[in-house]
Amino acid sequence: MNSTLKAISRAAMAAALAAGGISAQAATNLVTNGSFSTGDLSGWSVFGFPNSTVVNSDDIALLGYNLGGAIYQYLPTVIGASYSFSFDIANFTATNRFNPARIGVFWDSLIPLDGNQNGLTFDRVTKTYTVVATSTSTLMGFAAYHPAASYHLDDVSVVAIAAVPEPETYAMLLAGLGVMGVVARRRARRASAA
């Protein structure tokens, strides 16, 4: 194998490694302490009544604890980029229709929870939304009011969704590598003929 073909081979491997590095980078969670594993609300800003949001011994945030409260973070985002926003939530204590528990989820503005679960009891469920950033600093958070207990919140994550190249991109890459191979082969033949 001559030096030109070796160079083409190295370039192709470098491109593949770079593409793999981009995918790995895209999987980084932008949320600080989203699993509340520090045992407190480190990384989160807190708003509302004192002690309305705490972290229990199972590292789960108890949101809106007998009062109203909110936790939030401003995340570094790319305008127009898509993100997967997910979290686990539960409500183990029902409230009456005259004073129902309420929760709001925010990504720059309010995102309605599926199934209108305000005031109803439900086991731990994972909610996932695909959201788009409209600025370089995006507000992400939760606000709740629970007159009888609290909402349980855990495993909050925001991960960039890597753009998937169109098939035409791969076709162009392969065509380019093919042309480079043909040129290298012609040069090798000319060099051996001389």
N, C-alpha and C. Protein backbone atom coordinates (compact mmCIF):
# COMPACT_ATOMS: atom_id res chain seq x y z
N MET A 1 0.86 -1.17 0.00
CA MET A 1 0.00 0.00 0.00
C MET A 1 0.91 1.24 0.00
N ASN A 2 0.70 2.14 -0.96
CA ASN A 2 1.59 3.29 -1.03
C ASN A 2 1.18 4.37 -0.03
N SER A 3 1.99 5.41 0.08
CA SER A 3 1.78 6.43 1.10
C SER A 3 0.48 7.21 0.89
N THR A 4 0.04 7.39 -0.37
CA THR A 4 -1.20 8.12 -0.63
C THR A 4 -2.40 7.34 -0.12
N LEU A 5 -2.42 6.03 -0.38
CA LEU A 5 -3.53 5.22 0.12
C LEU A 5 -3.54 5.16 1.64
N LYS A 6 -2.34 5.13 2.25
CA LYS A 6 -2.26 5.16 3.71
C LYS A 6 -2.83 6.46 4.25
N ALA A 7 -2.53 7.58 3.56
CA ALA A 7 -3.05 8.88 3.99
C ALA A 7 -4.57 8.91 3.90
N ILE A 8 -5.12 8.35 2.81
CA ILE A 8 -6.58 8.30 2.65
C ILE A 8 -7.20 7.45 3.75
N SER A 9 -6.57 6.32 4.04
CA SER A 9 -7.08 5.44 5.10
C SER A 9 -7.08 6.15 6.45
N ARG A 10 -6.01 6.86 6.75
CA ARG A 10 -5.92 7.60 8.02
C ARG A 10 -6.98 8.70 8.08
N ALA A 11 -7.21 9.39 6.97
CA ALA A 11 -8.21 10.46 6.93
C ALA A 11 -9.60 9.90 7.18
N ALA A 12 -9.91 8.74 6.59
CA ALA A 12 -11.22 8.12 6.79
C ALA A 12 -11.40 7.71 8.24
N MET A 13 -10.33 7.14 8.86
CA MET A 13 -10.43 6.75 10.27
C MET A 13 -10.59 7.97 11.16
N ALA A 14 -9.89 9.05 10.85
CA ALA A 14 -10.02 10.27 11.65
C ALA A 14 -11.43 10.83 11.56
N ALA A 15 -12.03 10.79 10.35
CA ALA A 15 -13.41 11.27 10.18
C ALA A 15 -14.38 10.42 10.99
N ALA A 16 -14.18 9.11 10.99
CA ALA A 16 -15.06 8.22 11.75
C ALA A 16 -14.94 8.47 13.25
N LEU A 17 -13.71 8.65 13.73
CA LEU A 17 -13.51 8.94 15.15
C LEU A 17 -14.10 10.28 15.53
N ALA A 18 -13.97 11.28 14.67
CA ALA A 18 -14.55 12.59 14.96
C ALA A 18 -16.06 12.50 15.04
N ALA A 19 -16.68 11.74 14.15
CA ALA A 19 -18.14 11.57 14.18
C ALA A 19 -18.56 10.87 15.46
N GLY A 20 -17.80 9.88 15.90
CA GLY A 20 -18.10 9.19 17.15
C GLY A 20 -17.95 10.11 18.35
N GLY A 21 -16.96 11.00 18.32
CA GLY A 21 -16.76 11.96 19.41
C GLY A 21 -17.90 12.94 19.52
N ILE A 22 -18.46 13.32 18.38
CA ILE A 22 -19.59 14.25 18.39
C ILE A 22 -20.79 13.58 19.05
N SER A 23 -21.04 12.31 18.74
CA SER A 23 -22.17 11.60 19.33
C SER A 23 -22.00 11.48 20.83
N ALA A 24 -20.80 11.18 21.29
CA ALA A 24 -20.56 11.04 22.73
C ALA A 24 -20.75 12.37 23.44
N GLN A 25 -20.33 13.44 22.81
CA GLN A 25 -20.47 14.75 23.42
C GLN A 25 -21.94 15.13 23.52
N ALA A 26 -22.76 14.75 22.55
CA ALA A 26 -24.16 15.12 22.53
C ALA A 26 -24.94 14.46 23.67
N ALA A 27 -24.43 13.38 24.25
CA ALA A 27 -25.15 12.67 25.29
C ALA A 27 -24.93 13.25 26.69
N THR A 28 -24.28 14.38 26.82
CA THR A 28 -24.01 14.98 28.12
C THR A 28 -25.27 15.60 28.70
N ASN A 29 -25.58 15.27 29.96
CA ASN A 29 -26.74 15.86 30.64
C ASN A 29 -26.40 17.29 31.05
N LEU A 30 -27.23 18.24 30.63
CA LEU A 30 -26.99 19.65 30.94
C LEU A 30 -27.45 20.05 32.33
N VAL A 31 -28.23 19.19 32.99
CA VAL A 31 -28.80 19.50 34.30
C VAL A 31 -27.79 19.18 35.39
N THR A 32 -27.58 20.11 36.29
CA THR A 32 -26.71 19.90 37.44
C THR A 32 -27.52 19.25 38.56
N ASN A 33 -27.04 18.12 39.08
CA ASN A 33 -27.68 17.43 40.20
C ASN A 33 -29.12 17.04 39.87
N GLY A 34 -29.35 16.53 38.66
CA GLY A 34 -30.69 16.14 38.26
C GLY A 34 -31.22 14.92 38.97
N SER A 35 -30.33 14.11 39.55
CA SER A 35 -30.76 12.93 40.31
C SER A 35 -30.80 13.23 41.81
N PHE A 36 -30.46 14.46 42.20
CA PHE A 36 -30.48 14.90 43.60
C PHE A 36 -29.61 14.01 44.48
N SER A 37 -28.57 13.42 43.86
CA SER A 37 -27.70 12.48 44.57
C SER A 37 -26.81 13.16 45.61
N THR A 38 -26.75 14.49 45.60
CA THR A 38 -25.98 15.20 46.63
C THR A 38 -26.75 15.24 47.94
N GLY A 39 -28.04 14.84 47.90
CA GLY A 39 -28.85 14.87 49.12
C GLY A 39 -29.44 16.23 49.40
N ASP A 40 -29.23 17.17 48.49
CA ASP A 40 -29.80 18.51 48.65
C ASP A 40 -30.12 19.08 47.28
N LEU A 41 -30.41 20.36 47.23
CA LEU A 41 -30.80 21.01 45.98
C LEU A 41 -29.63 21.77 45.34
N SER A 42 -28.41 21.30 45.55
CA SER A 42 -27.23 21.92 44.93
C SER A 42 -27.42 22.01 43.43
N GLY A 43 -27.10 23.17 42.85
CA GLY A 43 -27.22 23.39 41.42
C GLY A 43 -28.58 23.93 41.01
N TRP A 44 -29.54 23.88 41.90
CA TRP A 44 -30.89 24.36 41.61
C TRP A 44 -31.13 25.70 42.30
N SER A 45 -31.88 26.58 41.66
CA SER A 45 -32.38 27.78 42.32
C SER A 45 -33.76 27.44 42.86
N VAL A 46 -34.07 27.94 44.05
CA VAL A 46 -35.32 27.60 44.73
C VAL A 46 -36.14 28.87 44.90
N PHE A 47 -37.44 28.75 44.65
CA PHE A 47 -38.36 29.87 44.80
C PHE A 47 -39.60 29.40 45.54
N GLY A 48 -40.15 30.22 46.43
CA GLY A 48 -41.39 29.87 47.11
C GLY A 48 -41.23 29.87 48.61
N PHE A 49 -42.17 29.21 49.27
CA PHE A 49 -42.16 29.16 50.72
C PHE A 49 -40.96 28.37 51.22
N PRO A 50 -40.40 28.78 52.39
CA PRO A 50 -39.26 28.03 52.95
C PRO A 50 -39.64 26.56 53.16
N ASN A 51 -38.74 25.68 52.83
CA ASN A 51 -38.90 24.23 53.00
C ASN A 51 -40.05 23.64 52.18
N SER A 52 -40.50 24.36 51.15
CA SER A 52 -41.57 23.79 50.31
C SER A 52 -41.00 22.77 49.32
N THR A 53 -39.69 22.80 49.12
CA THR A 53 -39.03 21.80 48.29
C THR A 53 -37.79 21.32 49.03
N VAL A 54 -37.74 20.02 49.31
CA VAL A 54 -36.62 19.43 50.03
C VAL A 54 -36.23 18.14 49.32
N VAL A 55 -35.09 17.57 49.70
CA VAL A 55 -34.66 16.28 49.18
C VAL A 55 -34.74 15.28 50.33
N ASN A 56 -35.42 14.14 50.09
CA ASN A 56 -35.56 13.16 51.16
C ASN A 56 -34.35 12.21 51.21
N SER A 57 -34.40 11.24 52.10
CA SER A 57 -33.26 10.33 52.29
C SER A 57 -33.05 9.39 51.10
N ASP A 58 -34.03 9.29 50.20
CA ASP A 58 -33.89 8.47 49.00
C ASP A 58 -33.38 9.29 47.82
N ASP A 59 -32.90 10.51 48.07
CA ASP A 59 -32.41 11.42 47.03
C ASP A 59 -33.50 11.72 45.99
N ILE A 60 -34.70 11.97 46.48
CA ILE A 60 -35.82 12.37 45.63
C ILE A 60 -36.29 13.74 46.11
N ALA A 61 -36.47 14.66 45.17
CA ALA A 61 -36.96 15.99 45.54
C ALA A 61 -38.44 15.92 45.84
N LEU A 62 -38.84 16.46 46.97
CA LEU A 62 -40.24 16.56 47.34
C LEU A 62 -40.66 17.99 47.02
N LEU A 63 -41.46 18.14 45.98
CA LEU A 63 -41.76 19.45 45.40
C LEU A 63 -43.14 19.93 45.82
N GLY A 64 -43.22 21.19 46.29
CA GLY A 64 -44.50 21.78 46.70
C GLY A 64 -44.96 21.25 48.04
N TYR A 65 -44.04 20.88 48.89
CA TYR A 65 -44.31 20.22 50.16
C TYR A 65 -45.25 21.05 51.04
N ASN A 66 -46.53 20.65 51.10
CA ASN A 66 -47.58 21.31 51.89
C ASN A 66 -47.78 22.78 51.59
N LEU A 67 -47.07 23.32 50.64
CA LEU A 67 -47.19 24.73 50.26
C LEU A 67 -46.89 24.83 48.77
N GLY A 68 -46.46 25.98 48.33
CA GLY A 68 -46.08 26.14 46.93
C GLY A 68 -44.60 26.42 46.81
N GLY A 69 -43.98 25.90 45.79
CA GLY A 69 -42.56 26.13 45.59
C GLY A 69 -42.13 25.78 44.19
N ALA A 70 -40.93 26.20 43.84
CA ALA A 70 -40.39 25.93 42.51
C ALA A 70 -38.90 25.73 42.60
N ILE A 71 -38.37 24.92 41.68
CA ILE A 71 -36.93 24.78 41.49
C ILE A 71 -36.66 24.95 40.00
N TYR A 72 -35.51 25.55 39.70
CA TYR A 72 -35.21 25.79 38.29
C TYR A 72 -33.72 25.95 38.08
N GLN A 73 -33.31 25.84 36.82
CA GLN A 73 -31.93 26.08 36.39
C GLN A 73 -31.98 26.77 35.03
N TYR A 74 -30.97 27.58 34.78
CA TYR A 74 -30.76 28.12 33.43
C TYR A 74 -29.69 27.26 32.78
N LEU A 75 -30.02 26.67 31.63
CA LEU A 75 -29.12 25.74 30.96
C LEU A 75 -28.48 26.39 29.74
N PRO A 76 -27.20 26.11 29.48
CA PRO A 76 -26.56 26.61 28.25
C PRO A 76 -27.07 25.79 27.06
N THR A 77 -27.70 26.47 26.12
CA THR A 77 -28.29 25.79 24.97
C THR A 77 -27.87 26.49 23.67
N VAL A 78 -28.15 25.84 22.56
CA VAL A 78 -27.85 26.37 21.24
C VAL A 78 -29.19 26.71 20.57
N ILE A 79 -29.32 27.93 20.10
CA ILE A 79 -30.56 28.36 19.47
C ILE A 79 -30.91 27.44 18.30
N GLY A 80 -32.14 26.94 18.30
CA GLY A 80 -32.61 26.06 17.22
C GLY A 80 -32.29 24.59 17.42
N ALA A 81 -31.46 24.25 18.41
CA ALA A 81 -31.11 22.85 18.65
C ALA A 81 -32.23 22.14 19.41
N SER A 82 -32.39 20.84 19.15
CA SER A 82 -33.40 20.02 19.83
C SER A 82 -32.77 19.30 21.01
N TYR A 83 -33.57 19.14 22.06
CA TYR A 83 -33.11 18.48 23.28
C TYR A 83 -34.18 17.50 23.76
N SER A 84 -33.73 16.44 24.41
CA SER A 84 -34.63 15.51 25.08
C SER A 84 -34.68 15.91 26.55
N PHE A 85 -35.86 16.31 27.02
CA PHE A 85 -36.07 16.77 28.40
C PHE A 85 -36.90 15.69 29.08
N SER A 86 -36.31 15.02 30.09
CA SER A 86 -37.04 13.94 30.77
C SER A 86 -36.88 14.02 32.27
N PHE A 87 -37.84 13.42 32.97
CA PHE A 87 -37.83 13.40 34.42
C PHE A 87 -38.80 12.34 34.90
N ASP A 88 -38.60 11.88 36.14
CA ASP A 88 -39.52 10.96 36.79
C ASP A 88 -40.35 11.74 37.79
N ILE A 89 -41.65 11.46 37.83
CA ILE A 89 -42.53 12.19 38.75
C ILE A 89 -43.60 11.25 39.29
N ALA A 90 -44.05 11.53 40.52
CA ALA A 90 -45.10 10.74 41.15
C ALA A 90 -45.90 11.62 42.09
N ASN A 91 -47.15 11.22 42.35
CA ASN A 91 -47.99 11.87 43.34
C ASN A 91 -48.73 10.75 44.07
N PHE A 92 -48.34 10.49 45.30
CA PHE A 92 -48.90 9.38 46.05
C PHE A 92 -50.08 9.79 46.94
N THR A 93 -50.40 11.09 47.01
CA THR A 93 -51.47 11.56 47.89
C THR A 93 -52.48 12.37 47.09
N ALA A 94 -53.73 11.92 47.09
CA ALA A 94 -54.78 12.61 46.34
C ALA A 94 -55.22 13.88 47.07
N THR A 95 -55.74 14.81 46.31
CA THR A 95 -56.30 16.04 46.89
C THR A 95 -57.73 16.18 46.36
N ASN A 96 -58.52 17.00 47.05
CA ASN A 96 -59.91 17.14 46.62
C ASN A 96 -60.04 18.18 45.50
N ARG A 97 -61.18 18.17 44.85
CA ARG A 97 -61.37 19.04 43.69
C ARG A 97 -61.47 20.50 44.05
N PHE A 98 -61.72 20.84 45.32
CA PHE A 98 -61.83 22.23 45.72
C PHE A 98 -60.47 22.85 46.00
N ASN A 99 -59.48 22.01 46.28
CA ASN A 99 -58.12 22.50 46.54
C ASN A 99 -57.13 21.49 45.97
N PRO A 100 -57.10 21.33 44.65
CA PRO A 100 -56.27 20.27 44.06
C PRO A 100 -54.78 20.62 44.05
N ALA A 101 -53.97 19.58 44.09
CA ALA A 101 -52.53 19.75 43.90
C ALA A 101 -52.31 20.13 42.43
N ARG A 102 -51.29 20.94 42.19
CA ARG A 102 -51.01 21.38 40.82
C ARG A 102 -49.50 21.38 40.61
N ILE A 103 -49.10 21.06 39.38
CA ILE A 103 -47.68 21.08 39.04
C ILE A 103 -47.51 21.67 37.65
N GLY A 104 -46.44 22.42 37.50
CA GLY A 104 -46.10 22.98 36.20
C GLY A 104 -44.67 22.62 35.84
N VAL A 105 -44.46 22.30 34.58
CA VAL A 105 -43.14 21.96 34.06
C VAL A 105 -42.77 23.06 33.06
N PHE A 106 -41.54 23.57 33.16
CA PHE A 106 -41.17 24.69 32.32
C PHE A 106 -39.96 24.40 31.44
N TRP A 107 -40.04 24.79 30.20
CA TRP A 107 -38.92 24.90 29.27
C TRP A 107 -39.15 26.22 28.57
N ASP A 108 -38.58 27.29 29.09
CA ASP A 108 -38.82 28.67 28.65
C ASP A 108 -40.24 29.12 28.94
N SER A 109 -41.21 28.23 28.85
CA SER A 109 -42.60 28.52 29.20
C SER A 109 -43.22 27.22 29.68
N LEU A 110 -44.48 27.27 30.07
CA LEU A 110 -45.16 26.10 30.64
C LEU A 110 -45.34 25.00 29.60
N ILE A 111 -45.02 23.76 29.99
CA ILE A 111 -45.30 22.58 29.17
C ILE A 111 -46.44 21.83 29.88
N PRO A 112 -47.57 21.62 29.22
CA PRO A 112 -48.65 20.87 29.89
C PRO A 112 -48.25 19.41 30.08
N LEU A 113 -48.49 18.88 31.27
CA LEU A 113 -48.25 17.45 31.52
C LEU A 113 -49.30 16.64 30.80
N ASP A 114 -48.89 15.51 30.20
CA ASP A 114 -49.87 14.64 29.54
C ASP A 114 -50.87 14.12 30.56
N GLY A 115 -52.10 13.96 30.16
CA GLY A 115 -53.09 13.32 31.01
C GLY A 115 -53.63 14.21 32.12
N ASN A 116 -53.28 15.49 32.16
CA ASN A 116 -53.78 16.42 33.17
C ASN A 116 -53.79 15.78 34.56
N GLN A 117 -52.62 15.48 35.08
CA GLN A 117 -52.49 14.73 36.32
C GLN A 117 -52.56 15.60 37.57
N ASN A 118 -52.96 16.85 37.44
CA ASN A 118 -53.06 17.71 38.61
C ASN A 118 -54.10 17.18 39.59
N GLY A 119 -53.68 16.97 40.83
CA GLY A 119 -54.58 16.53 41.89
C GLY A 119 -54.79 15.03 41.96
N LEU A 120 -54.47 14.30 40.92
CA LEU A 120 -54.68 12.85 40.91
C LEU A 120 -53.45 12.12 41.44
N THR A 121 -53.67 10.95 42.00
CA THR A 121 -52.53 10.14 42.42
C THR A 121 -52.03 9.35 41.21
N PHE A 122 -50.73 9.14 41.15
CA PHE A 122 -50.15 8.30 40.11
C PHE A 122 -48.77 7.84 40.58
N ASP A 123 -48.44 6.62 40.18
CA ASP A 123 -47.14 6.06 40.52
C ASP A 123 -46.05 6.77 39.73
N ARG A 124 -44.82 6.46 40.08
CA ARG A 124 -43.68 7.08 39.40
C ARG A 124 -43.72 6.76 37.91
N VAL A 125 -43.71 7.82 37.12
CA VAL A 125 -43.69 7.69 35.66
C VAL A 125 -42.57 8.56 35.11
N THR A 126 -42.05 8.16 33.97
CA THR A 126 -41.03 8.96 33.29
C THR A 126 -41.73 9.76 32.19
N LYS A 127 -41.52 11.06 32.21
CA LYS A 127 -42.06 11.95 31.19
C LYS A 127 -40.90 12.40 30.33
N THR A 128 -41.06 12.36 29.01
CA THR A 128 -40.02 12.79 28.09
C THR A 128 -40.62 13.69 27.03
N TYR A 129 -39.98 14.82 26.82
CA TYR A 129 -40.43 15.80 25.84
C TYR A 129 -39.27 16.14 24.92
N THR A 130 -39.55 16.36 23.65
CA THR A 130 -38.56 16.91 22.73
C THR A 130 -38.82 18.40 22.67
N VAL A 131 -37.81 19.19 23.03
CA VAL A 131 -37.96 20.64 23.11
C VAL A 131 -36.88 21.30 22.24
N VAL A 132 -37.12 22.55 21.87
CA VAL A 132 -36.19 23.29 21.03
C VAL A 132 -35.77 24.55 21.77
N ALA A 133 -34.49 24.85 21.76
CA ALA A 133 -33.97 26.05 22.43
C ALA A 133 -34.23 27.28 21.57
N THR A 134 -34.67 28.35 22.23
CA THR A 134 -34.90 29.61 21.53
C THR A 134 -33.90 30.68 21.94
N SER A 135 -32.99 30.32 22.86
CA SER A 135 -31.95 31.25 23.29
C SER A 135 -30.72 30.46 23.72
N THR A 136 -29.66 31.17 24.07
CA THR A 136 -28.44 30.50 24.51
C THR A 136 -28.47 30.15 26.00
N SER A 137 -29.49 30.62 26.70
CA SER A 137 -29.68 30.29 28.11
C SER A 137 -31.17 30.00 28.32
N THR A 138 -31.50 28.75 28.59
CA THR A 138 -32.89 28.32 28.63
C THR A 138 -33.32 27.99 30.06
N LEU A 139 -34.47 28.56 30.46
CA LEU A 139 -35.05 28.26 31.77
C LEU A 139 -35.71 26.90 31.74
N MET A 140 -35.32 26.01 32.67
CA MET A 140 -35.91 24.69 32.83
C MET A 140 -36.25 24.54 34.30
N GLY A 141 -37.48 24.14 34.61
CA GLY A 141 -37.81 23.99 36.01
C GLY A 141 -39.18 23.39 36.26
N PHE A 142 -39.53 23.36 37.55
CA PHE A 142 -40.77 22.76 38.02
C PHE A 142 -41.35 23.65 39.11
N ALA A 143 -42.66 23.86 39.07
CA ALA A 143 -43.36 24.60 40.11
C ALA A 143 -44.54 23.75 40.57
N ALA A 144 -44.78 23.72 41.87
CA ALA A 144 -45.86 22.87 42.37
C ALA A 144 -46.50 23.46 43.61
N TYR A 145 -47.76 23.09 43.78
CA TYR A 145 -48.52 23.37 45.00
C TYR A 145 -49.21 22.08 45.38
N HIS A 146 -49.01 21.63 46.62
CA HIS A 146 -49.65 20.40 47.08
C HIS A 146 -50.13 20.62 48.50
N PRO A 147 -51.44 20.72 48.72
CA PRO A 147 -51.94 21.02 50.06
C PRO A 147 -51.84 19.86 51.05
N ALA A 148 -51.64 18.64 50.57
CA ALA A 148 -51.65 17.49 51.47
C ALA A 148 -50.30 16.81 51.63
N ALA A 149 -49.42 16.91 50.65
CA ALA A 149 -48.12 16.22 50.73
C ALA A 149 -47.16 16.90 49.76
N SER A 150 -46.64 16.15 48.77
CA SER A 150 -45.72 16.73 47.79
C SER A 150 -45.64 15.83 46.57
N TYR A 151 -45.20 16.41 45.45
CA TYR A 151 -44.87 15.63 44.27
C TYR A 151 -43.44 15.10 44.45
N HIS A 152 -43.20 13.90 43.97
CA HIS A 152 -41.86 13.30 44.03
C HIS A 152 -41.22 13.47 42.66
N LEU A 153 -40.04 14.08 42.63
CA LEU A 153 -39.34 14.38 41.38
C LEU A 153 -37.94 13.80 41.43
N ASP A 154 -37.51 13.17 40.32
CA ASP A 154 -36.18 12.57 40.29
C ASP A 154 -35.72 12.42 38.84
N ASP A 155 -34.43 12.17 38.67
CA ASP A 155 -33.80 11.87 37.38
C ASP A 155 -34.13 12.88 36.29
N VAL A 156 -33.93 14.14 36.59
CA VAL A 156 -34.16 15.21 35.62
C VAL A 156 -32.97 15.27 34.68
N SER A 157 -33.23 15.24 33.38
CA SER A 157 -32.13 15.33 32.43
C SER A 157 -32.55 16.11 31.19
N VAL A 158 -31.58 16.80 30.63
CA VAL A 158 -31.73 17.49 29.35
C VAL A 158 -30.50 17.14 28.54
N VAL A 159 -30.73 16.44 27.42
CA VAL A 159 -29.64 15.96 26.58
C VAL A 159 -29.87 16.43 25.16
N ALA A 160 -28.80 16.95 24.54
CA ALA A 160 -28.90 17.39 23.15
C ALA A 160 -29.17 16.19 22.26
N ILE A 161 -30.06 16.38 21.30
CA ILE A 161 -30.36 15.33 20.33
C ILE A 161 -29.43 15.56 19.15
N ALA A 162 -28.54 14.59 18.90
CA ALA A 162 -27.58 14.73 17.81
C ALA A 162 -28.30 14.71 16.47
N ALA A 163 -27.90 15.60 15.61
CA ALA A 163 -28.48 15.62 14.26
C ALA A 163 -28.04 14.37 13.52
N VAL A 164 -28.96 13.72 12.87
CA VAL A 164 -28.67 12.52 12.10
C VAL A 164 -28.40 12.93 10.65
N PRO A 165 -27.23 12.61 10.13
CA PRO A 165 -26.93 12.98 8.74
C PRO A 165 -27.89 12.31 7.77
N GLU A 166 -28.23 13.03 6.73
CA GLU A 166 -29.07 12.47 5.67
C GLU A 166 -28.27 11.43 4.89
N PRO A 167 -28.94 10.47 4.26
CA PRO A 167 -28.22 9.45 3.47
C PRO A 167 -27.36 10.07 2.37
N GLU A 168 -27.80 11.22 1.84
CA GLU A 168 -27.02 11.88 0.80
C GLU A 168 -25.64 12.30 1.31
N THR A 169 -25.55 12.62 2.60
CA THR A 169 -24.27 13.01 3.19
C THR A 169 -23.28 11.85 3.12
N TYR A 170 -23.75 10.65 3.48
CA TYR A 170 -22.89 9.48 3.43
C TYR A 170 -22.51 9.16 1.98
N ALA A 171 -23.46 9.32 1.06
CA ALA A 171 -23.17 9.07 -0.35
C ALA A 171 -22.08 10.01 -0.85
N MET A 172 -22.17 11.28 -0.47
CA MET A 172 -21.14 12.26 -0.88
C MET A 172 -19.78 11.89 -0.29
N LEU A 173 -19.77 11.46 0.98
CA LEU A 173 -18.52 11.07 1.62
C LEU A 173 -17.89 9.88 0.89
N LEU A 174 -18.70 8.87 0.62
CA LEU A 174 -18.17 7.70 -0.09
C LEU A 174 -17.71 8.05 -1.50
N ALA A 175 -18.46 8.90 -2.21
CA ALA A 175 -18.05 9.32 -3.56
C ALA A 175 -16.72 10.06 -3.50
N GLY A 176 -16.57 10.94 -2.52
CA GLY A 176 -15.32 11.68 -2.37
C GLY A 176 -14.15 10.76 -2.08
N LEU A 177 -14.35 9.80 -1.19
CA LEU A 177 -13.28 8.84 -0.90
C LEU A 177 -12.95 7.99 -2.13
N GLY A 178 -13.98 7.64 -2.91
CA GLY A 178 -13.75 6.88 -4.14
C GLY A 178 -12.92 7.66 -5.14
N VAL A 179 -13.24 8.95 -5.31
CA VAL A 179 -12.47 9.80 -6.23
C VAL A 179 -11.03 9.91 -5.76
N MET A 180 -10.84 10.07 -4.44
CA MET A 180 -9.48 10.16 -3.92
C MET A 180 -8.71 8.87 -4.18
N GLY A 181 -9.39 7.71 -4.07
CA GLY A 181 -8.75 6.42 -4.34
C GLY A 181 -8.35 6.28 -5.80
N VAL A 182 -9.24 6.73 -6.72
CA VAL A 182 -8.94 6.66 -8.15
C VAL A 182 -7.73 7.53 -8.47
N VAL A 183 -7.70 8.74 -7.93
CA VAL A 183 -6.57 9.65 -8.17
C VAL A 183 -5.28 9.05 -7.63
N ALA A 184 -5.33 8.47 -6.44
CA ALA A 184 -4.13 7.86 -5.86
C ALA A 184 -3.65 6.69 -6.70
N ARG A 185 -4.58 5.89 -7.21
CA ARG A 185 -4.20 4.74 -8.03
C ARG A 185 -3.55 5.19 -9.34
N ARG A 186 -4.11 6.22 -9.97
CA ARG A 186 -3.52 6.74 -11.21
C ARG A 186 -2.12 7.26 -10.97
N ARG A 187 -1.94 7.97 -9.86
CA ARG A 187 -0.60 8.48 -9.55
C ARG A 187 0.38 7.34 -9.35
N ALA A 188 -0.07 6.29 -8.68
CA ALA A 188 0.81 5.14 -8.43
C ALA A 188 1.20 4.47 -9.75
N ARG A 189 0.24 4.35 -10.68
CA ARG A 189 0.53 3.72 -11.97
C ARG A 189 1.52 4.58 -12.77
N ARG A 190 1.30 5.90 -12.77
CA ARG A 190 2.20 6.79 -13.48
C ARG A 190 3.60 6.73 -12.91
N ALA A 191 3.72 6.65 -11.60
CA ALA A 191 5.02 6.60 -10.95
C ALA A 191 5.73 5.29 -11.30
N SER A 192 5.00 4.18 -11.38
CA SER A 192 5.62 2.89 -11.69
C SER A 192 5.98 2.77 -13.18
N ALA A 193 5.23 3.47 -14.05
CA ALA A 193 5.50 3.46 -15.48
C ALA A 193 6.73 4.31 -15.84
N ALA A 194 7.00 5.29 -15.03
CA ALA A 194 8.13 6.18 -15.34
C ALA A 194 9.48 5.63 -15.00
